[in-house]
N, C-alpha and C. Protein backbone atom coordinates (compact mmCIF):
# COMPACT_ATOMS: atom_id res chain seq x y z
N MET A 1 -44.13 -11.03 -34.33
CA MET A 1 -44.71 -9.66 -34.33
C MET A 1 -43.82 -8.30 -33.66
N SER A 2 -43.54 -7.74 -35.10
CA SER A 2 -42.55 -6.47 -34.48
C SER A 2 -43.23 -5.54 -34.19
N GLU A 3 -42.96 -4.88 -33.45
CA GLU A 3 -43.75 -3.31 -33.14
C GLU A 3 -43.08 -2.66 -34.16
N THR A 4 -43.25 -1.52 -34.47
CA THR A 4 -42.64 0.04 -35.01
C THR A 4 -43.05 0.80 -34.13
N LYS A 5 -42.07 1.98 -33.75
CA LYS A 5 -42.59 2.71 -33.00
C LYS A 5 -42.69 3.87 -33.60
N SER A 6 -43.31 4.37 -33.35
CA SER A 6 -43.53 5.86 -34.80
C SER A 6 -43.05 7.31 -33.93
N VAL A 7 -42.14 8.04 -34.74
CA VAL A 7 -41.52 8.91 -34.85
C VAL A 7 -42.52 10.15 -34.37
N LYS A 8 -42.74 11.02 -33.63
CA LYS A 8 -43.15 12.26 -33.09
C LYS A 8 -42.05 13.40 -33.46
N ARG A 9 -43.11 14.14 -33.86
CA ARG A 9 -43.05 15.25 -34.95
C ARG A 9 -42.91 15.86 -33.53
N THR A 10 -41.43 17.01 -33.23
CA THR A 10 -41.04 17.92 -32.19
C THR A 10 -40.76 19.39 -33.03
N VAL A 11 -41.44 20.56 -32.51
CA VAL A 11 -41.34 21.51 -33.32
C VAL A 11 -40.62 22.62 -32.17
N ASN A 12 -40.26 23.60 -32.71
CA ASN A 12 -39.95 24.93 -31.08
C ASN A 12 -40.96 25.74 -31.80
N GLY A 13 -41.35 26.52 -30.06
CA GLY A 13 -41.98 27.80 -30.92
C GLY A 13 -41.83 28.59 -29.44
N ARG A 14 -42.63 30.16 -29.56
CA ARG A 14 -42.73 30.54 -28.94
C ARG A 14 -44.05 30.82 -28.07
N VAL A 15 -44.12 30.56 -26.44
CA VAL A 15 -44.89 30.54 -26.17
C VAL A 15 -45.55 32.14 -25.92
N ILE A 16 -47.02 32.25 -26.50
CA ILE A 16 -48.12 33.58 -26.44
C ILE A 16 -48.72 33.75 -25.79
N SER A 17 -49.04 32.88 -24.48
CA SER A 17 -50.48 32.77 -23.82
C SER A 17 -50.70 31.79 -23.23
N THR A 18 -50.24 32.30 -21.42
CA THR A 18 -50.09 31.08 -20.49
C THR A 18 -51.51 31.34 -19.10
N ALA A 19 -52.78 31.77 -20.21
CA ALA A 19 -53.62 32.38 -19.32
C ALA A 19 -54.94 30.17 -18.73
N MET A 20 -54.31 29.36 -19.59
CA MET A 20 -55.32 28.39 -18.75
C MET A 20 -54.01 27.41 -18.07
N ASP A 21 -54.59 26.92 -16.93
CA ASP A 21 -54.15 26.18 -16.02
C ASP A 21 -53.70 24.73 -17.04
N LYS A 22 -52.79 23.83 -16.34
CA LYS A 22 -51.83 23.61 -17.63
C LYS A 22 -52.16 23.19 -19.13
N THR A 23 -51.79 24.24 -19.57
CA THR A 23 -52.14 24.58 -21.39
C THR A 23 -51.06 25.87 -21.16
N ILE A 24 -50.82 25.87 -22.55
CA ILE A 24 -50.38 27.20 -22.78
C ILE A 24 -50.17 27.02 -24.47
N THR A 25 -50.19 28.54 -24.57
CA THR A 25 -50.39 28.17 -26.87
C THR A 25 -49.13 28.70 -26.72
N VAL A 26 -48.59 28.53 -28.45
CA VAL A 26 -47.02 28.31 -28.64
C VAL A 26 -47.56 28.30 -30.13
N ALA A 27 -46.97 29.85 -30.53
CA ALA A 27 -46.49 30.16 -31.71
C ALA A 27 -45.59 29.56 -32.76
N VAL A 28 -46.12 28.87 -33.89
CA VAL A 28 -44.55 28.10 -33.92
C VAL A 28 -44.82 28.50 -35.81
N GLU A 29 -43.17 29.03 -35.94
CA GLU A 29 -43.46 29.50 -37.51
C GLU A 29 -42.36 28.92 -38.56
N ARG A 30 -43.07 29.07 -39.68
CA ARG A 30 -42.45 28.47 -40.43
C ARG A 30 -42.34 28.90 -41.69
N GLN A 31 -41.18 28.95 -42.84
CA GLN A 31 -40.92 29.67 -44.18
C GLN A 31 -41.24 29.14 -45.83
N VAL A 32 -42.42 29.66 -46.01
CA VAL A 32 -42.75 28.67 -47.47
C VAL A 32 -42.54 29.54 -48.52
N GLN A 33 -42.07 28.84 -49.43
CA GLN A 33 -42.34 29.77 -50.71
C GLN A 33 -43.16 30.08 -51.86
N HIS A 34 -43.39 31.06 -51.91
CA HIS A 34 -44.89 31.90 -52.85
C HIS A 34 -44.55 30.44 -54.05
N PRO A 35 -45.87 30.06 -54.49
CA PRO A 35 -45.64 29.51 -55.35
C PRO A 35 -45.50 30.09 -56.63
N LEU A 36 -45.65 30.65 -57.07
CA LEU A 36 -45.62 31.39 -58.87
C LEU A 36 -44.54 32.93 -58.62
N TYR A 37 -43.95 33.55 -57.33
CA TYR A 37 -43.61 34.24 -57.70
C TYR A 37 -41.82 33.71 -56.65
N GLY A 38 -42.09 33.02 -55.90
CA GLY A 38 -40.74 32.45 -55.35
C GLY A 38 -39.85 32.85 -53.58
N LYS A 39 -40.93 33.77 -53.56
CA LYS A 39 -40.58 35.14 -52.27
C LYS A 39 -40.65 33.90 -50.94
N TYR A 40 -39.92 33.96 -50.02
CA TYR A 40 -40.12 33.15 -49.14
C TYR A 40 -41.33 34.15 -47.92
N ILE A 41 -41.92 33.27 -47.41
CA ILE A 41 -42.93 34.10 -46.89
C ILE A 41 -43.05 33.24 -45.05
N ARG A 42 -43.06 34.20 -44.35
CA ARG A 42 -43.19 33.61 -42.97
C ARG A 42 -44.83 33.11 -42.43
N GLN A 43 -45.15 31.99 -42.31
CA GLN A 43 -46.42 31.57 -42.07
C GLN A 43 -46.62 31.29 -40.12
N THR A 44 -46.99 30.82 -39.69
CA THR A 44 -47.62 30.96 -38.53
C THR A 44 -48.49 30.75 -38.01
N THR A 45 -48.26 29.56 -37.21
CA THR A 45 -49.70 28.59 -36.60
C THR A 45 -49.39 28.28 -34.56
N LYS A 46 -51.01 28.74 -34.98
CA LYS A 46 -50.69 28.71 -32.99
C LYS A 46 -51.23 26.88 -32.58
N VAL A 47 -50.47 26.70 -31.67
CA VAL A 47 -50.78 24.75 -31.28
C VAL A 47 -51.12 25.70 -29.70
N GLN A 48 -52.07 24.09 -29.11
CA GLN A 48 -51.90 24.57 -27.79
C GLN A 48 -51.43 23.29 -27.22
N ALA A 49 -50.68 23.32 -26.01
CA ALA A 49 -49.83 22.11 -25.68
C ALA A 49 -49.96 22.00 -24.15
N HIS A 50 -49.63 20.78 -23.76
CA HIS A 50 -49.98 20.61 -22.71
C HIS A 50 -48.35 20.61 -21.48
N ASP A 51 -49.29 21.34 -20.23
CA ASP A 51 -47.81 21.82 -19.64
C ASP A 51 -48.13 21.87 -18.25
N GLU A 52 -47.77 20.49 -17.67
CA GLU A 52 -48.55 19.64 -16.16
C GLU A 52 -48.37 20.31 -15.48
N ASP A 53 -46.61 21.22 -15.02
CA ASP A 53 -46.30 21.85 -14.07
C ASP A 53 -46.15 23.86 -13.79
N ASN A 54 -47.42 23.91 -15.18
CA ASN A 54 -47.34 25.06 -15.00
C ASN A 54 -45.75 26.15 -15.48
N SER A 55 -44.80 25.62 -16.14
CA SER A 55 -43.64 26.09 -15.97
C SER A 55 -43.43 27.08 -16.64
N CYS A 56 -43.95 27.33 -17.62
CA CYS A 56 -43.19 28.21 -18.92
C CYS A 56 -44.07 29.83 -18.58
N HIS A 57 -43.56 30.54 -19.44
CA HIS A 57 -44.27 31.99 -19.07
C HIS A 57 -44.14 32.06 -20.46
N LYS A 58 -45.04 33.23 -20.31
CA LYS A 58 -45.35 34.36 -21.89
C LYS A 58 -43.68 34.61 -22.08
N GLY A 59 -43.15 34.15 -23.41
CA GLY A 59 -41.87 35.06 -24.08
C GLY A 59 -40.91 33.59 -24.37
N ASP A 60 -41.28 32.98 -23.63
CA ASP A 60 -40.04 31.55 -23.53
C ASP A 60 -40.14 30.92 -25.25
N TRP A 61 -38.83 30.46 -25.59
CA TRP A 61 -39.40 29.54 -26.63
C TRP A 61 -38.88 27.97 -25.98
N VAL A 62 -40.05 26.95 -26.59
CA VAL A 62 -40.15 26.05 -26.12
C VAL A 62 -39.84 25.01 -27.25
N ALA A 63 -39.74 23.58 -27.02
CA ALA A 63 -40.00 22.18 -28.04
C ALA A 63 -41.11 21.75 -27.03
N VAL A 64 -41.83 21.30 -28.46
CA VAL A 64 -43.35 20.60 -27.63
C VAL A 64 -43.21 19.35 -28.57
N GLU A 65 -43.75 18.43 -28.45
CA GLU A 65 -43.53 17.07 -29.79
C GLU A 65 -45.84 16.70 -29.59
N GLU A 66 -46.20 15.76 -30.56
CA GLU A 66 -47.15 15.77 -30.46
C GLU A 66 -47.29 14.40 -29.99
N CYS A 67 -48.54 14.19 -29.20
CA CYS A 67 -49.32 13.33 -28.70
C CYS A 67 -50.28 13.19 -28.91
N ARG A 68 -51.38 12.29 -28.26
CA ARG A 68 -52.79 11.64 -27.98
C ARG A 68 -53.48 12.82 -28.26
N PRO A 69 -54.84 13.46 -28.65
CA PRO A 69 -55.86 14.12 -28.17
C PRO A 69 -55.67 14.40 -26.54
N LEU A 70 -55.81 15.54 -26.11
CA LEU A 70 -55.97 15.49 -24.65
C LEU A 70 -56.85 15.98 -24.46
N SER A 71 -57.39 16.97 -25.14
CA SER A 71 -58.74 17.42 -25.11
C SER A 71 -59.28 18.23 -26.77
N LYS A 72 -60.45 18.80 -26.53
CA LYS A 72 -61.05 19.25 -27.83
C LYS A 72 -59.55 19.58 -29.42
N ARG A 73 -58.42 20.53 -28.42
CA ARG A 73 -57.92 21.18 -29.50
C ARG A 73 -56.28 21.06 -28.82
N LYS A 74 -56.32 20.48 -27.75
CA LYS A 74 -54.72 19.78 -27.32
C LYS A 74 -54.27 19.17 -27.58
N SER A 75 -53.22 18.53 -28.73
CA SER A 75 -52.42 17.53 -28.67
C SER A 75 -50.88 17.22 -29.27
N TRP A 76 -50.99 18.80 -28.68
CA TRP A 76 -49.12 19.11 -28.11
C TRP A 76 -48.60 18.52 -26.64
N ARG A 77 -47.44 18.27 -26.50
CA ARG A 77 -47.29 18.61 -24.84
C ARG A 77 -45.49 19.10 -25.46
N LEU A 78 -45.48 20.01 -23.79
CA LEU A 78 -44.11 20.15 -23.65
C LEU A 78 -43.35 19.21 -23.18
N VAL A 79 -41.86 19.78 -24.16
CA VAL A 79 -40.88 18.89 -23.94
C VAL A 79 -39.40 19.17 -22.93
N GLU A 80 -39.48 20.21 -23.45
CA GLU A 80 -38.44 21.00 -22.69
C GLU A 80 -38.80 22.74 -23.12
N VAL A 81 -38.33 23.56 -21.77
CA VAL A 81 -38.05 25.11 -21.90
C VAL A 81 -36.52 24.84 -22.77
N LEU A 82 -36.58 25.76 -23.93
CA LEU A 82 -34.95 25.87 -24.38
C LEU A 82 -34.53 27.32 -23.42
N VAL A 83 -35.51 28.47 -23.72
CA VAL A 83 -34.90 29.91 -23.18
C VAL A 83 -35.74 30.03 -22.28
N ARG A 84 -35.55 30.88 -21.29
CA ARG A 84 -36.38 31.54 -20.47
C ARG A 84 -36.26 32.98 -20.55
N GLN A 85 -37.29 33.62 -21.25
CA GLN A 85 -37.52 34.97 -21.17
C GLN A 85 -36.83 35.64 -19.81
N ALA A 86 -36.61 36.74 -19.99
CA ALA A 86 -36.03 37.14 -18.71
C ALA A 86 -37.38 38.11 -18.17
N GLN A 87 -38.00 37.91 -16.75
CA GLN A 87 -38.87 38.64 -16.31
C GLN A 87 -38.78 40.07 -15.02
């Protein structure tokens, strides 16, 4: 039997909260086209991601990937910090 490895979805976003231990809240923006008028609208989705080392700070630009559910609302994992916010 051959096992197929699933491709994990990775998205980039801005850290908006680091209030919880080992957890960050990331705002992921995307643009969708309005079905009738055709104008592009910016939509924001907030996801909670696992940050094992508490290495992120508010304002950092990060990459997160999907993973198994780690808690009720946390099913993303921090991959890397792309841009650090100047402190």
